[in-house]
Each structure stands twice: as C-alpha cells, then as structure tokens.
Amino acid sequence: MKNTTETRSRTVTTVATRIAGEDIAKGDYVTILSEIIELPSYLWSNSAISQPVDELVRLRYLPSEAGEPHKVVAVCLPFVYAKAPKGNLTAFDTRQQQLVRLDRDNGRSLWKQMGKTKKKTK
C-alpha cells in the first residue's frame, strides 16, 4: 500500500501505516500508536457501571513516547525487538501495543537525527 500524498505545493506528506505483528520485518521503522492497559474492575467500585470484581477493565491511551522511531532488529511474535535512536533495545508486545510502520525514508532520517548526541562546548 502506497502511503504518500502529493499536494499542489509539491510537498509530500507521508502517513504512518497501522501494521499487524506478522507483517513487521527486520529493518522496518516502527513507533507506538497506542497502548492498552488492563486494570482490575474493583477500582471502579463507586461508578455506575457494575462489573464482576475479577474482571479487567481495558483502557487505551497514547503514551508519551508515541512517535519515537525504532528500527526493528528481530521479530518473535508476539514480541518485536527494536533499537531506539540512542541505542537502547526495546521489546514491544503486539498484544498490548499498536505499532505503525513509518515511511522508510522518513523513519531512517528521523532515527539518525534523534540518535545524534549534542557536542559539549567548553
């Protein structure tokens, strides 16, 4: 699927593509779109919603690190192992984290720029 759009001013806008775990490959640039958290239902004991005490409540939220590019180094579903721009290895769990694939050129460029360290001035 092509995910670029050309506008009248000749600027190209790219769109991150939602991706299933089985479609992620080594070398892809990915980032977190959203994450699911499961909390015990007893935390909502005073709410109008009545649920069994042992049932989990699932919440979707946008993590603060959403948008940070990661380069995939290995895939062993449901886990995706990726390198952050600063070199840290991260494990994503595709059961809890929705990943998107970044445009290859933009992902590579962003990953390199975010990995650069600022030189200290004396």
N, C-alpha and C. Protein backbone atom coordinates (compact mmCIF):
# COMPACT_ATOMS: atom_id res chain seq x y z
N MET A 1 0.84 -1.17 0.00
CA MET A 1 0.00 0.00 0.00
C MET A 1 0.89 1.23 0.00
N LYS A 2 0.63 2.13 -0.94
CA LYS A 2 1.40 3.37 -1.00
C LYS A 2 0.81 4.34 0.00
N ASN A 3 1.67 5.00 0.76
CA ASN A 3 1.16 5.87 1.82
C ASN A 3 1.72 7.28 1.72
N THR A 4 1.88 7.78 0.51
CA THR A 4 2.32 9.16 0.33
C THR A 4 1.27 9.91 -0.49
N THR A 5 1.19 11.21 -0.26
CA THR A 5 0.25 12.05 -0.97
C THR A 5 0.97 13.31 -1.43
N GLU A 6 0.76 13.68 -2.68
CA GLU A 6 1.40 14.89 -3.18
C GLU A 6 0.35 16.00 -3.24
N THR A 7 0.70 17.16 -2.70
CA THR A 7 -0.21 18.29 -2.71
C THR A 7 0.20 19.25 -3.82
N ARG A 8 -0.58 20.30 -4.00
CA ARG A 8 -0.31 21.26 -5.07
C ARG A 8 1.02 21.97 -4.91
N SER A 9 1.48 22.16 -3.71
CA SER A 9 2.73 22.89 -3.48
C SER A 9 3.96 21.97 -3.62
N ARG A 10 3.75 20.76 -4.11
CA ARG A 10 4.82 19.80 -4.35
C ARG A 10 5.49 19.28 -3.09
N THR A 11 4.86 19.45 -1.94
CA THR A 11 5.39 18.85 -0.72
C THR A 11 4.73 17.49 -0.57
N VAL A 12 5.48 16.55 -0.07
CA VAL A 12 4.96 15.20 0.08
C VAL A 12 4.66 14.94 1.55
N THR A 13 3.45 14.51 1.82
CA THR A 13 3.04 14.16 3.17
C THR A 13 3.01 12.64 3.26
N THR A 14 3.63 12.11 4.29
CA THR A 14 3.61 10.67 4.48
C THR A 14 2.70 10.33 5.65
N VAL A 15 2.19 9.12 5.63
CA VAL A 15 1.27 8.67 6.66
C VAL A 15 1.80 7.37 7.24
N ALA A 16 1.87 7.29 8.56
CA ALA A 16 2.28 6.05 9.21
C ALA A 16 1.18 5.03 9.00
N THR A 17 1.55 3.80 8.70
CA THR A 17 0.60 2.74 8.37
C THR A 17 0.46 1.77 9.53
N ARG A 18 -0.78 1.54 9.99
CA ARG A 18 -1.01 0.51 11.01
C ARG A 18 -0.53 -0.81 10.45
N ILE A 19 0.09 -1.60 11.31
CA ILE A 19 0.68 -2.85 10.84
C ILE A 19 0.41 -3.97 11.84
N ALA A 20 0.07 -5.13 11.31
CA ALA A 20 -0.12 -6.31 12.15
C ALA A 20 1.24 -6.90 12.47
N GLY A 21 1.34 -7.57 13.60
CA GLY A 21 2.61 -8.15 14.03
C GLY A 21 3.26 -9.04 12.99
N GLU A 22 2.45 -9.83 12.28
CA GLU A 22 3.01 -10.75 11.29
C GLU A 22 3.55 -10.06 10.04
N ASP A 23 3.24 -8.78 9.86
CA ASP A 23 3.73 -8.02 8.71
C ASP A 23 4.98 -7.20 9.02
N ILE A 24 5.41 -7.21 10.27
CA ILE A 24 6.61 -6.45 10.66
C ILE A 24 7.84 -7.28 10.31
N ALA A 25 8.83 -6.61 9.71
CA ALA A 25 10.05 -7.31 9.30
C ALA A 25 11.28 -6.58 9.83
N LYS A 26 12.37 -7.33 9.94
CA LYS A 26 13.64 -6.75 10.36
C LYS A 26 14.00 -5.62 9.41
N GLY A 27 14.43 -4.48 9.98
CA GLY A 27 14.80 -3.32 9.18
C GLY A 27 13.69 -2.28 9.06
N ASP A 28 12.45 -2.64 9.43
CA ASP A 28 11.34 -1.67 9.40
C ASP A 28 11.55 -0.62 10.48
N TYR A 29 11.00 0.55 10.25
CA TYR A 29 10.98 1.60 11.26
C TYR A 29 9.56 1.67 11.79
N VAL A 30 9.40 1.49 13.10
CA VAL A 30 8.08 1.46 13.72
C VAL A 30 8.04 2.42 14.91
N THR A 31 6.83 2.74 15.31
CA THR A 31 6.60 3.52 16.52
C THR A 31 5.28 3.08 17.13
N ILE A 32 5.08 3.42 18.39
CA ILE A 32 3.84 3.08 19.09
C ILE A 32 2.76 4.09 18.70
N LEU A 33 1.60 3.58 18.34
CA LEU A 33 0.45 4.44 18.08
C LEU A 33 -0.39 4.58 19.35
N SER A 34 -0.67 3.45 19.97
CA SER A 34 -1.44 3.46 21.22
C SER A 34 -1.10 2.21 22.02
N GLU A 35 -1.53 2.22 23.27
CA GLU A 35 -1.24 1.12 24.17
C GLU A 35 -2.48 0.79 24.98
N ILE A 36 -2.63 -0.48 25.33
CA ILE A 36 -3.78 -0.91 26.13
C ILE A 36 -3.29 -1.28 27.52
N ILE A 37 -3.98 -0.76 28.53
CA ILE A 37 -3.67 -1.07 29.92
C ILE A 37 -4.87 -1.82 30.49
N GLU A 38 -4.60 -2.84 31.28
CA GLU A 38 -5.67 -3.58 31.94
C GLU A 38 -5.59 -3.32 33.44
N LEU A 39 -6.70 -2.87 34.00
CA LEU A 39 -6.80 -2.58 35.43
C LEU A 39 -7.93 -3.39 36.04
N PRO A 40 -7.81 -3.74 37.30
CA PRO A 40 -8.88 -4.50 37.95
C PRO A 40 -10.15 -3.66 38.08
N SER A 41 -11.29 -4.31 37.92
CA SER A 41 -12.56 -3.58 37.94
C SER A 41 -12.92 -3.03 39.31
N TYR A 42 -12.32 -3.54 40.38
CA TYR A 42 -12.66 -3.02 41.70
C TYR A 42 -12.23 -1.56 41.88
N LEU A 43 -11.39 -1.05 41.00
CA LEU A 43 -11.01 0.37 41.06
C LEU A 43 -12.19 1.27 40.70
N TRP A 44 -13.22 0.70 40.07
CA TRP A 44 -14.40 1.45 39.68
C TRP A 44 -15.58 1.11 40.58
N SER A 45 -15.34 0.82 41.83
CA SER A 45 -16.41 0.35 42.73
C SER A 45 -17.50 1.38 42.97
N ASN A 46 -17.20 2.65 42.83
CA ASN A 46 -18.21 3.69 43.06
C ASN A 46 -18.82 4.21 41.77
N SER A 47 -18.59 3.54 40.68
CA SER A 47 -19.13 4.03 39.40
C SER A 47 -20.50 3.41 39.15
N ALA A 48 -21.17 3.95 38.15
CA ALA A 48 -22.50 3.45 37.80
C ALA A 48 -22.41 2.13 37.04
N ILE A 49 -21.23 1.78 36.56
CA ILE A 49 -21.05 0.54 35.81
C ILE A 49 -20.76 -0.58 36.81
N SER A 50 -21.55 -1.63 36.75
CA SER A 50 -21.30 -2.75 37.65
C SER A 50 -20.67 -3.88 36.85
N GLN A 51 -19.49 -4.31 37.30
CA GLN A 51 -18.78 -5.40 36.66
C GLN A 51 -18.31 -6.36 37.75
N PRO A 52 -18.11 -7.62 37.38
CA PRO A 52 -17.58 -8.56 38.37
C PRO A 52 -16.21 -8.09 38.87
N VAL A 53 -15.94 -8.36 40.14
CA VAL A 53 -14.71 -7.90 40.77
C VAL A 53 -13.47 -8.46 40.08
N ASP A 54 -13.57 -9.68 39.56
CA ASP A 54 -12.40 -10.31 38.96
C ASP A 54 -12.21 -9.97 37.48
N GLU A 55 -13.06 -9.13 36.92
CA GLU A 55 -12.96 -8.77 35.50
C GLU A 55 -12.03 -7.56 35.32
N LEU A 56 -11.21 -7.61 34.26
CA LEU A 56 -10.30 -6.50 33.97
C LEU A 56 -10.98 -5.46 33.09
N VAL A 57 -10.61 -4.21 33.32
CA VAL A 57 -11.10 -3.10 32.51
C VAL A 57 -9.95 -2.69 31.60
N ARG A 58 -10.21 -2.66 30.30
CA ARG A 58 -9.17 -2.30 29.34
C ARG A 58 -9.31 -0.85 28.93
N LEU A 59 -8.18 -0.13 29.02
CA LEU A 59 -8.14 1.28 28.64
C LEU A 59 -7.10 1.48 27.56
N ARG A 60 -7.42 2.26 26.56
CA ARG A 60 -6.47 2.59 25.51
C ARG A 60 -5.96 4.00 25.77
N TYR A 61 -4.65 4.16 25.70
CA TYR A 61 -4.09 5.50 25.90
C TYR A 61 -2.94 5.75 24.94
N LEU A 62 -2.56 7.01 24.82
CA LEU A 62 -1.46 7.42 23.95
C LEU A 62 -0.24 7.68 24.82
N PRO A 63 0.78 6.83 24.73
CA PRO A 63 1.97 7.01 25.56
C PRO A 63 2.78 8.22 25.13
N SER A 64 3.56 8.77 26.05
CA SER A 64 4.35 9.96 25.74
C SER A 64 5.43 9.67 24.71
N GLU A 65 5.87 8.42 24.59
CA GLU A 65 6.91 8.09 23.61
C GLU A 65 6.35 7.75 22.24
N ALA A 66 5.05 7.93 22.04
CA ALA A 66 4.45 7.70 20.72
C ALA A 66 5.10 8.64 19.71
N GLY A 67 5.46 8.09 18.59
CA GLY A 67 6.10 8.88 17.54
C GLY A 67 7.60 8.70 17.48
N GLU A 68 8.23 8.17 18.53
CA GLU A 68 9.67 7.97 18.51
C GLU A 68 9.98 6.76 17.62
N PRO A 69 10.81 6.95 16.59
CA PRO A 69 11.09 5.84 15.67
C PRO A 69 12.00 4.79 16.30
N HIS A 70 11.74 3.54 15.99
CA HIS A 70 12.56 2.42 16.42
C HIS A 70 12.85 1.56 15.19
N LYS A 71 14.05 1.03 15.11
CA LYS A 71 14.43 0.16 13.99
C LYS A 71 14.33 -1.29 14.45
N VAL A 72 13.53 -2.08 13.76
CA VAL A 72 13.28 -3.46 14.13
C VAL A 72 14.53 -4.30 13.89
N VAL A 73 14.96 -5.03 14.93
CA VAL A 73 16.13 -5.90 14.81
C VAL A 73 15.74 -7.38 14.81
N ALA A 74 14.58 -7.73 15.39
CA ALA A 74 14.11 -9.12 15.40
C ALA A 74 12.62 -9.15 15.70
N VAL A 75 11.97 -10.18 15.18
CA VAL A 75 10.55 -10.37 15.44
C VAL A 75 10.35 -11.81 15.88
N CYS A 76 9.75 -11.99 17.04
CA CYS A 76 9.38 -13.30 17.57
C CYS A 76 8.01 -13.09 18.21
N LEU A 77 6.97 -13.22 17.40
CA LEU A 77 5.62 -12.83 17.83
C LEU A 77 5.22 -13.53 19.12
N PRO A 78 4.59 -12.83 20.01
CA PRO A 78 4.00 -11.50 19.87
C PRO A 78 4.97 -10.36 20.16
N PHE A 79 6.26 -10.65 20.24
CA PHE A 79 7.22 -9.61 20.60
C PHE A 79 7.98 -9.10 19.38
N VAL A 80 8.22 -7.80 19.39
CA VAL A 80 9.02 -7.15 18.36
C VAL A 80 10.15 -6.44 19.08
N TYR A 81 11.38 -6.78 18.72
CA TYR A 81 12.55 -6.19 19.35
C TYR A 81 13.10 -5.12 18.42
N ALA A 82 13.25 -3.91 18.97
CA ALA A 82 13.67 -2.79 18.14
C ALA A 82 14.66 -1.92 18.89
N LYS A 83 15.48 -1.25 18.11
CA LYS A 83 16.51 -0.39 18.66
C LYS A 83 16.04 1.06 18.61
N ALA A 84 16.17 1.75 19.74
CA ALA A 84 15.82 3.17 19.81
C ALA A 84 16.97 3.99 19.21
N PRO A 85 16.72 5.24 18.84
CA PRO A 85 17.77 6.08 18.25
C PRO A 85 19.02 6.20 19.10
N LYS A 86 18.89 6.17 20.42
CA LYS A 86 20.05 6.30 21.30
C LYS A 86 20.73 4.96 21.55
N GLY A 87 20.24 3.88 20.94
CA GLY A 87 20.89 2.58 21.04
C GLY A 87 20.26 1.60 22.00
N ASN A 88 19.25 2.01 22.77
CA ASN A 88 18.59 1.10 23.72
C ASN A 88 17.72 0.11 22.97
N LEU A 89 17.73 -1.13 23.40
CA LEU A 89 16.89 -2.15 22.81
C LEU A 89 15.56 -2.20 23.55
N THR A 90 14.46 -2.21 22.81
CA THR A 90 13.13 -2.20 23.39
C THR A 90 12.35 -3.41 22.89
N ALA A 91 11.56 -4.01 23.76
CA ALA A 91 10.68 -5.11 23.36
C ALA A 91 9.25 -4.60 23.36
N PHE A 92 8.58 -4.69 22.22
CA PHE A 92 7.18 -4.31 22.11
C PHE A 92 6.34 -5.58 22.15
N ASP A 93 5.23 -5.54 22.85
CA ASP A 93 4.29 -6.65 22.90
C ASP A 93 3.10 -6.26 22.04
N THR A 94 2.95 -6.92 20.89
CA THR A 94 1.89 -6.52 19.95
C THR A 94 0.49 -6.83 20.46
N ARG A 95 0.38 -7.55 21.58
CA ARG A 95 -0.94 -7.78 22.18
C ARG A 95 -1.40 -6.55 22.95
N GLN A 96 -0.46 -5.73 23.40
CA GLN A 96 -0.80 -4.55 24.19
C GLN A 96 -0.48 -3.24 23.49
N GLN A 97 0.42 -3.27 22.53
CA GLN A 97 0.84 -2.04 21.88
C GLN A 97 0.54 -2.10 20.38
N GLN A 98 -0.19 -1.10 19.90
CA GLN A 98 -0.48 -0.99 18.48
C GLN A 98 0.68 -0.26 17.82
N LEU A 99 1.36 -0.92 16.90
CA LEU A 99 2.50 -0.33 16.22
C LEU A 99 2.10 0.17 14.84
N VAL A 100 2.79 1.18 14.36
CA VAL A 100 2.63 1.65 13.00
C VAL A 100 4.00 1.65 12.33
N ARG A 101 3.98 1.39 11.02
CA ARG A 101 5.22 1.41 10.26
C ARG A 101 5.39 2.80 9.68
N LEU A 102 6.58 3.35 9.88
CA LEU A 102 6.89 4.67 9.35
C LEU A 102 7.40 4.54 7.92
N ASP A 103 7.20 5.58 7.13
CA ASP A 103 7.76 5.63 5.79
C ASP A 103 9.26 5.39 5.90
N ARG A 104 9.81 4.53 5.05
CA ARG A 104 11.21 4.11 5.18
C ARG A 104 12.19 5.27 5.17
N ASP A 105 12.04 6.21 4.24
CA ASP A 105 12.97 7.34 4.15
C ASP A 105 12.86 8.26 5.37
N ASN A 106 11.62 8.57 5.76
CA ASN A 106 11.42 9.43 6.93
C ASN A 106 11.87 8.73 8.21
N GLY A 107 11.56 7.45 8.34
CA GLY A 107 11.96 6.70 9.52
C GLY A 107 13.47 6.68 9.68
N ARG A 108 14.18 6.41 8.60
CA ARG A 108 15.66 6.37 8.64
C ARG A 108 16.22 7.73 8.99
N SER A 109 15.70 8.77 8.36
CA SER A 109 16.18 10.13 8.61
C SER A 109 15.94 10.55 10.06
N LEU A 110 14.73 10.34 10.56
CA LEU A 110 14.40 10.69 11.95
C LEU A 110 15.24 9.89 12.93
N TRP A 111 15.40 8.60 12.67
CA TRP A 111 16.15 7.72 13.56
C TRP A 111 17.59 8.21 13.68
N LYS A 112 18.20 8.58 12.55
CA LYS A 112 19.58 9.08 12.57
C LYS A 112 19.67 10.42 13.29
N GLN A 113 18.74 11.33 13.02
CA GLN A 113 18.79 12.66 13.64
C GLN A 113 18.56 12.59 15.14
N MET A 114 17.66 11.73 15.59
CA MET A 114 17.38 11.62 17.02
C MET A 114 18.50 10.90 17.75
N GLY A 115 19.32 10.14 17.03
CA GLY A 115 20.41 9.41 17.64
C GLY A 115 21.67 10.24 17.83
N LYS A 116 21.73 11.39 17.16
CA LYS A 116 22.91 12.23 17.29
C LYS A 116 22.99 12.80 18.69
N THR A 117 24.19 12.83 19.23
CA THR A 117 24.39 13.42 20.56
C THR A 117 24.94 14.83 20.39
N LYS A 118 24.51 15.69 21.28
CA LYS A 118 24.98 17.07 21.23
C LYS A 118 26.41 17.13 21.77
N LYS A 119 27.26 17.85 21.05
CA LYS A 119 28.63 18.00 21.48
C LYS A 119 28.68 19.02 22.62
N LYS A 120 29.47 18.70 23.62
CA LYS A 120 29.61 19.60 24.76
C LYS A 120 30.55 20.74 24.38
N THR A 121 30.17 21.95 24.76
CA THR A 121 31.02 23.10 24.50
C THR A 121 31.84 23.40 25.73
N LYS A 122 33.09 23.73 25.50
CA LYS A 122 34.00 24.01 26.64
C LYS A 122 34.07 25.48 26.91
